[in-house]
């Protein structure tokens, strides 16, 4: 496997990345990219200025996973958006490798922090399906992973939970904010 810069020059890889994004999110986050066309538009948007788009391919050039990032705070902070690994290839370290590669790309651009939002639309955590008000931070301090929410994957890679947005996706469907310092230079 290798991770390469991803651009709008390879229509075949664009289609593969869109399929991966659609398939990876359809079960637990179906409103993220409800159609293959929506996923394709997200892939195409990743080629804009002030964005990074990287793709993992196997030895035959077939896409295994895709990661994007959006510059914020004058390049000091970058949002990881999105990360998708082909469901048939998950559990093989592709997501980890994509994130590590992205961190290197961001650090080379002077970035200090990488952050992400990890929605809980299906009550996969103890934060989902409940009213987090009036004390969302009390609930956040006692978060539990009930059914395989990816926040623990990100924690294994050094991300920490830095906040929650209650009802971000509708009542009882919060967005969990996570961040990681990737460089102390700036």
Protein backbone atom coordinates (compact mmCIF):
# COMPACT_ATOMS: atom_id res chain seq x y z
CA UNK A 1 0.00 0.00 0.00
CA UNK A 2 1.10 3.55 -0.66
CA UNK A 3 -0.43 6.91 0.15
CA UNK A 4 -0.33 9.48 -2.59
CA UNK A 5 -1.52 13.01 -3.26
CA UNK A 6 -5.03 12.90 -4.66
CA UNK A 7 -6.10 15.31 -7.38
CA UNK A 8 -8.92 15.78 -9.84
CA UNK A 9 -6.76 14.34 -12.64
CA UNK A 10 -7.75 10.70 -12.05
CA UNK A 11 -11.46 10.12 -12.65
CA UNK A 12 -11.12 6.42 -11.85
CA UNK A 13 -9.75 7.15 -8.35
CA UNK A 14 -12.38 9.85 -7.81
CA UNK A 15 -15.12 7.31 -8.48
CA UNK A 16 -13.46 4.76 -6.19
CA UNK A 17 -13.09 7.33 -3.38
CA UNK A 18 -16.75 8.33 -3.74
CA UNK A 19 -17.82 4.68 -3.50
CA UNK A 20 -15.64 4.16 -0.43
CA UNK A 21 -17.06 7.27 1.25
CA UNK A 22 -20.65 6.28 0.49
CA UNK A 23 -20.18 2.66 1.64
CA UNK A 24 -18.21 3.53 4.78
CA UNK A 25 -20.85 5.95 6.09
CA UNK A 26 -24.16 4.53 4.88
CA UNK A 27 -24.95 2.31 7.86
CA UNK A 28 -24.42 4.66 10.83
CA UNK A 29 -24.23 8.11 9.20
CA UNK A 30 -26.57 7.81 6.20
CA UNK A 31 -27.33 11.52 6.07
CA UNK A 32 -23.66 12.44 5.67
CA UNK A 33 -23.55 11.41 2.00
CA UNK A 34 -26.93 9.85 1.24
CA UNK A 35 -26.16 9.17 -2.43
CA UNK A 36 -23.14 8.27 -4.47
CA UNK A 37 -23.50 11.66 -6.21
CA UNK A 38 -23.27 13.43 -2.82
CA UNK A 39 -20.12 11.44 -2.04
CA UNK A 40 -18.64 12.33 -5.44
CA UNK A 41 -19.31 16.03 -4.78
CA UNK A 42 -17.49 15.72 -1.43
CA UNK A 43 -14.49 14.14 -3.15
CA UNK A 44 -14.41 16.90 -5.76
CA UNK A 45 -14.67 19.58 -3.05
CA UNK A 46 -11.53 18.16 -1.43
CA UNK A 47 -9.41 19.50 -4.29
CA UNK A 48 -10.11 23.14 -3.39
CA UNK A 49 -7.45 25.57 -2.27
CA UNK A 50 -6.44 25.29 1.40
CA UNK A 51 -7.34 21.61 1.49
CA UNK A 52 -5.37 18.39 1.53
CA UNK A 53 -6.60 15.23 -0.15
CA UNK A 54 -4.66 11.96 0.10
CA UNK A 55 -5.55 8.46 -1.02
CA UNK A 56 -4.26 5.02 -0.08
CA UNK A 57 -3.90 2.62 -3.01
CA UNK A 58 -2.81 -0.98 -3.25
CA UNK A 59 -0.09 -2.27 -5.58
CA UNK A 60 -2.60 -2.41 -8.44
CA UNK A 61 -3.62 1.23 -7.94
CA UNK A 62 -7.00 0.39 -6.43
CA UNK A 63 -8.20 2.81 -3.76
CA UNK A 64 -8.30 1.43 -0.23
CA UNK A 65 -9.06 4.62 1.70
CA UNK A 66 -9.23 8.36 1.44
CA UNK A 67 -8.60 11.26 3.81
CA UNK A 68 -9.15 14.98 3.49
CA UNK A 69 -8.38 18.03 5.58
CA UNK A 70 -9.51 21.65 5.62
CA UNK A 71 -7.28 24.52 6.73
CA UNK A 72 -8.65 26.75 9.51
CA UNK A 73 -7.19 29.40 11.83
CA UNK A 74 -4.70 30.60 9.19
CA UNK A 75 -3.24 27.12 8.84
CA UNK A 76 -2.52 26.53 12.51
CA UNK A 77 -5.47 24.16 12.85
CA UNK A 78 -6.74 21.68 10.29
CA UNK A 79 -10.01 19.77 10.30
CA UNK A 80 -9.83 16.08 9.39
CA UNK A 81 -12.69 15.77 6.92
CA UNK A 82 -13.38 13.06 5.95
CA UNK A 83 -11.69 9.74 6.60
CA UNK A 84 -13.10 6.70 4.83
CA UNK A 85 -11.66 3.22 4.42
CA UNK A 86 -13.19 0.59 2.18
CA UNK A 87 -15.29 -1.52 4.58
CA UNK A 88 -13.71 -4.70 3.17
CA UNK A 89 -10.23 -3.32 4.00
CA UNK A 90 -10.92 -2.00 7.50
CA UNK A 91 -8.88 -3.30 10.40
CA UNK A 92 -5.63 -3.46 8.40
CA UNK A 93 -4.09 -0.17 9.54
CA UNK A 94 -5.13 1.87 6.50
CA UNK A 95 -6.99 4.50 8.55
CA UNK A 96 -4.05 4.81 10.92
CA UNK A 97 -1.61 5.17 8.02
CA UNK A 98 -3.78 7.82 6.35
CA UNK A 99 -3.97 9.86 9.55
CA UNK A 100 -0.23 9.60 10.18
CA UNK A 101 0.45 10.69 6.60
CA UNK A 102 -1.98 13.60 6.96
CA UNK A 103 -0.27 14.71 10.17
CA UNK A 104 3.05 14.82 8.29
CA UNK A 105 1.48 16.88 5.49
CA UNK A 106 -0.05 19.35 7.96
CA UNK A 107 3.11 19.69 10.07
CA UNK A 108 5.07 20.47 6.89
CA UNK A 109 2.64 23.35 6.28
CA UNK A 110 3.15 24.73 9.80
CA UNK A 111 -0.03 23.26 11.29
CA UNK A 112 -0.15 22.68 15.03
CA UNK A 113 -3.44 20.90 15.64
CA UNK A 114 -5.64 18.41 13.83
CA UNK A 115 -9.29 18.22 14.91
CA UNK A 116 -12.38 16.30 13.87
CA UNK A 117 -16.04 15.92 14.64
CA UNK A 118 -17.33 12.39 15.10
CA UNK A 119 -21.12 12.33 15.00
CA UNK A 120 -23.24 10.01 17.10
CA UNK A 121 -26.45 9.68 15.12
CA UNK A 122 -27.28 6.09 16.16
CA UNK A 123 -26.71 6.27 19.94
CA UNK A 124 -23.44 4.38 19.61
CA UNK A 125 -22.20 6.21 22.72
CA UNK A 126 -23.74 7.15 26.03
CA UNK A 127 -24.16 10.68 24.61
CA UNK A 128 -26.55 9.60 21.88
CA UNK A 129 -30.31 9.52 22.21
CA UNK A 130 -30.44 11.72 25.31
CA UNK A 131 -30.81 15.37 26.20
CA UNK A 132 -27.31 16.61 27.04
CA UNK A 133 -28.56 19.91 28.46
CA UNK A 134 -28.16 21.62 30.86
CA UNK A 135 -24.74 20.03 31.55
CA UNK A 136 -23.23 18.60 28.37
CA UNK A 137 -19.73 18.51 29.86
CA UNK A 138 -20.92 16.32 32.74
CA UNK A 139 -22.22 13.79 30.21
CA UNK A 140 -19.05 14.10 28.15
CA UNK A 141 -16.86 13.38 31.19
CA UNK A 142 -18.60 10.02 31.55
CA UNK A 143 -18.79 9.01 27.88
CA UNK A 144 -19.03 5.29 27.18
CA UNK A 145 -18.71 3.53 23.85
CA UNK A 146 -21.81 1.36 23.62
CA UNK A 147 -21.66 -0.06 20.11
CA UNK A 148 -18.40 0.56 18.27
CA UNK A 149 -18.35 4.32 17.84
CA UNK A 150 -15.07 5.39 16.18
CA UNK A 151 -14.02 7.87 18.89
CA UNK A 152 -11.93 5.13 20.53
CA UNK A 153 -10.08 4.54 17.24
CA UNK A 154 -9.08 8.19 17.26
CA UNK A 155 -8.06 8.03 20.93
CA UNK A 156 -5.65 5.21 20.08
CA UNK A 157 -4.01 7.62 17.65
CA UNK A 158 -3.54 10.31 20.29
CA UNK A 159 -6.70 12.37 19.81
CA UNK A 160 -8.52 13.60 22.90
CA UNK A 161 -12.12 14.60 23.29
CA UNK A 162 -12.26 18.38 23.52
CA UNK A 163 -16.00 19.01 23.42
CA UNK A 164 -19.45 18.07 22.26
CA UNK A 165 -22.15 19.85 20.31
CA UNK A 166 -25.51 18.62 21.58
CA UNK A 167 -28.20 18.02 18.97
CA UNK A 168 -25.83 18.81 16.09
CA UNK A 169 -27.67 16.36 13.85
CA UNK A 170 -31.09 16.51 15.52
CA UNK A 171 -32.33 15.90 19.05
CA UNK A 172 -30.10 13.40 20.85
CA UNK A 173 -27.60 13.26 17.96
CA UNK A 174 -24.44 15.06 19.12
CA UNK A 175 -21.15 15.70 17.41
CA UNK A 176 -18.13 14.71 19.50
CA UNK A 177 -15.13 17.01 18.96
CA UNK A 178 -11.64 15.57 19.14
CA UNK A 179 -8.22 17.13 18.60
CA UNK A 180 -4.55 16.29 18.60
CA UNK A 181 -1.41 18.43 18.66
CA UNK A 182 0.75 17.39 15.75
CA UNK A 183 3.55 19.92 16.02
CA UNK A 184 4.82 22.39 18.58
CA UNK A 185 6.42 24.60 15.97
CA UNK A 186 4.46 27.43 14.47
